Amino acid sequence: MNKSELVASIAEKSGLTKKDAESALNGFMKSVEESLVKEEKVQLVGFGTFEVRHRKAREGRNPRNPEEKIMIPASKAPVFKAGKTLKETVNNK
């Protein structure tokens, strides 16, 4: 499902126009993005949690030249962890 299909589904299920559904979805995505930039968790009970995890700097290998070692810098990674209800729904329990 891509963004336009998601907007159409939200509009159909909520009774909003596609324009309003797209605005709501954009607002949700922007809010989550801003919270993650501040390194805050976004918890939606039953659905899941968005959070930032820190990756340490580490040594790796250059895929073009496996003998060459390279340093991979530390970084932050946005992560989504599914909630119990979502997992159960996906697994048909």
C-alpha atoms as a PDB file:
ATOM      1  CA  MET A   1       0.000   0.000   0.000  1.00  0.00           C
ATOM      2  CA  ASN A   2       1.430   3.376  -0.959  1.00  0.00           C
ATOM      3  CA  LYS A   3       0.551   6.782   0.481  1.00  0.00           C
ATOM      4  CA  SER A   4      -2.285   7.582  -1.948  1.00  0.00           C
ATOM      5  CA  GLU A   5      -3.891   4.168  -1.316  1.00  0.00           C
ATOM      6  CA  LEU A   6      -3.559   4.740   2.436  1.00  0.00           C
ATOM      7  CA  VAL A   7      -5.178   8.185   2.122  1.00  0.00           C
ATOM      8  CA  ALA A   8      -8.069   6.644   0.136  1.00  0.00           C
ATOM      9  CA  SER A   9      -8.506   3.919   2.784  1.00  0.00           C
ATOM     10  CA  ILE A  10      -8.474   6.452   5.638  1.00  0.00           C
ATOM     11  CA  ALA A  11     -11.023   8.612   3.800  1.00  0.00           C
ATOM     12  CA  GLU A  12     -13.302   5.633   3.224  1.00  0.00           C
ATOM     13  CA  LYS A  13     -13.128   4.329   6.798  1.00  0.00           C
ATOM     14  CA  SER A  14     -13.409   7.731   8.523  1.00  0.00           C
ATOM     15  CA  GLY A  15     -15.893   9.501   6.279  1.00  0.00           C
ATOM     16  CA  LEU A  16     -13.406  12.313   5.584  1.00  0.00           C
ATOM     17  CA  THR A  17     -12.679  13.681   2.147  1.00  0.00           C
ATOM     18  CA  LYS A  18      -9.438  12.493   0.557  1.00  0.00           C
ATOM     19  CA  LYS A  19      -8.025  16.000   1.014  1.00  0.00           C
ATOM     20  CA  ASP A  20      -8.851  15.998   4.746  1.00  0.00           C
ATOM     21  CA  ALA A  21      -7.537  12.435   5.145  1.00  0.00           C
ATOM     22  CA  GLU A  22      -4.272  13.420   3.451  1.00  0.00           C
ATOM     23  CA  SER A  23      -3.953  16.453   5.746  1.00  0.00           C
ATOM     24  CA  ALA A  24      -4.547  14.242   8.795  1.00  0.00           C
ATOM     25  CA  LEU A  25      -1.981  11.680   7.616  1.00  0.00           C
ATOM     26  CA  ASN A  26       0.592  14.397   6.847  1.00  0.00           C
ATOM     27  CA  GLY A  27      -0.024  15.921  10.285  1.00  0.00           C
ATOM     28  CA  PHE A  28       0.467  12.528  11.946  1.00  0.00           C
ATOM     29  CA  MET A  29       3.709  11.865  10.056  1.00  0.00           C
ATOM     30  CA  LYS A  30       5.056  15.360  10.809  1.00  0.00           C
ATOM     31  CA  SER A  31       4.197  15.017  14.515  1.00  0.00           C
ATOM     32  CA  VAL A  32       5.952  11.646  14.770  1.00  0.00           C
ATOM     33  CA  GLU A  33       8.959  13.028  12.858  1.00  0.00           C
ATOM     34  CA  GLU A  34       9.251  16.062  15.165  1.00  0.00           C
ATOM     35  CA  SER A  35       9.006  13.874  18.281  1.00  0.00           C
ATOM     36  CA  LEU A  36      11.710  11.515  17.006  1.00  0.00           C
ATOM     37  CA  VAL A  37      14.003  14.463  16.208  1.00  0.00           C
ATOM     38  CA  LYS A  38      13.636  15.445  19.897  1.00  0.00           C
ATOM     39  CA  GLU A  39      14.312  11.769  20.745  1.00  0.00           C
ATOM     40  CA  GLU A  40      10.882  11.365  22.334  1.00  0.00           C
ATOM     41  CA  LYS A  41       8.913   8.106  22.117  1.00  0.00           C
ATOM     42  CA  VAL A  42       5.534   8.051  20.387  1.00  0.00           C
ATOM     43  CA  GLN A  43       3.386   5.308  21.929  1.00  0.00           C
ATOM     44  CA  LEU A  44       0.062   4.267  20.430  1.00  0.00           C
ATOM     45  CA  VAL A  45      -1.322   1.686  22.862  1.00  0.00           C
ATOM     46  CA  GLY A  46      -2.242  -1.513  21.057  1.00  0.00           C
ATOM     47  CA  PHE A  47      -0.673  -0.345  17.783  1.00  0.00           C
ATOM     48  CA  GLY A  48       3.000   0.231  18.522  1.00  0.00           C
ATOM     49  CA  THR A  49       5.845   2.540  19.477  1.00  0.00           C
ATOM     50  CA  PHE A  50       8.046   4.795  17.394  1.00  0.00           C
ATOM     51  CA  GLU A  51      11.429   5.566  18.953  1.00  0.00           C
ATOM     52  CA  VAL A  52      15.051   6.444  18.179  1.00  0.00           C
ATOM     53  CA  ARG A  53      17.839   3.956  18.803  1.00  0.00           C
ATOM     54  CA  HIS A  54      21.508   4.858  18.858  1.00  0.00           C
ATOM     55  CA  ARG A  55      23.979   2.829  16.827  1.00  0.00           C
ATOM     56  CA  LYS A  56      27.577   2.845  17.986  1.00  0.00           C
ATOM     57  CA  ALA A  57      30.464   3.552  15.640  1.00  0.00           C
ATOM     58  CA  ARG A  58      31.957   0.319  14.386  1.00  0.00           C
ATOM     59  CA  GLU A  59      34.438  -1.147  11.980  1.00  0.00           C
ATOM     60  CA  GLY A  60      33.158  -2.698   8.761  1.00  0.00           C
ATOM     61  CA  ARG A  61      34.393  -4.010   5.438  1.00  0.00           C
ATOM     62  CA  ASN A  62      34.238  -2.243   2.102  1.00  0.00           C
ATOM     63  CA  PRO A  63      31.881  -4.335  -0.101  1.00  0.00           C
ATOM     64  CA  ARG A  64      33.849  -3.361  -3.215  1.00  0.00           C
ATOM     65  CA  ASN A  65      37.155  -4.351  -1.640  1.00  0.00           C
ATOM     66  CA  PRO A  66      36.603  -6.882   1.201  1.00  0.00           C
ATOM     67  CA  GLU A  67      40.191  -6.608   2.425  1.00  0.00           C
ATOM     68  CA  GLU A  68      39.756  -2.891   3.137  1.00  0.00           C
ATOM     69  CA  LYS A  69      38.418  -1.961   6.586  1.00  0.00           C
ATOM     70  CA  ILE A  70      36.277   1.153   6.960  1.00  0.00           C
ATOM     71  CA  MET A  71      34.878   2.993   9.966  1.00  0.00           C
ATOM     72  CA  ILE A  72      31.094   3.223  10.082  1.00  0.00           C
ATOM     73  CA  PRO A  73      30.155   6.333  12.106  1.00  0.00           C
ATOM     74  CA  ALA A  74      27.698   6.348  15.002  1.00  0.00           C
ATOM     75  CA  SER A  75      24.140   7.157  13.967  1.00  0.00           C
ATOM     76  CA  LYS A  76      20.539   7.322  15.131  1.00  0.00           C
ATOM     77  CA  ALA A  77      17.908   5.018  13.640  1.00  0.00           C
ATOM     78  CA  PRO A  78      14.139   5.490  13.815  1.00  0.00           C
ATOM     79  CA  VAL A  79      12.477   2.233  14.901  1.00  0.00           C
ATOM     80  CA  PHE A  80       8.884   0.994  15.055  1.00  0.00           C
ATOM     81  CA  LYS A  81       8.000  -1.762  17.495  1.00  0.00           C
ATOM     82  CA  ALA A  82       4.564  -3.324  16.947  1.00  0.00           C
ATOM     83  CA  GLY A  83       2.214  -3.508  19.909  1.00  0.00           C
ATOM     84  CA  LYS A  84       0.564  -6.660  21.223  1.00  0.00           C
ATOM     85  CA  THR A  85      -2.851  -6.007  19.635  1.00  0.00           C
ATOM     86  CA  LEU A  86      -1.325  -5.312  16.213  1.00  0.00           C
ATOM     87  CA  LYS A  87       0.803  -8.465  16.405  1.00  0.00           C
ATOM     88  CA  GLU A  88      -2.237 -10.550  17.359  1.00  0.00           C
ATOM     89  CA  THR A  89      -4.314  -9.063  14.534  1.00  0.00           C
ATOM     90  CA  VAL A  90      -1.590  -9.771  11.958  1.00  0.00           C
ATOM     91  CA  ASN A  91      -1.235 -13.333  13.274  1.00  0.00           C
ATOM     92  CA  ASN A  92      -5.050 -13.854  13.288  1.00  0.00           C
ATOM     93  CA  LYS A  93      -5.327 -14.628  17.006  1.00  0.00           C
END
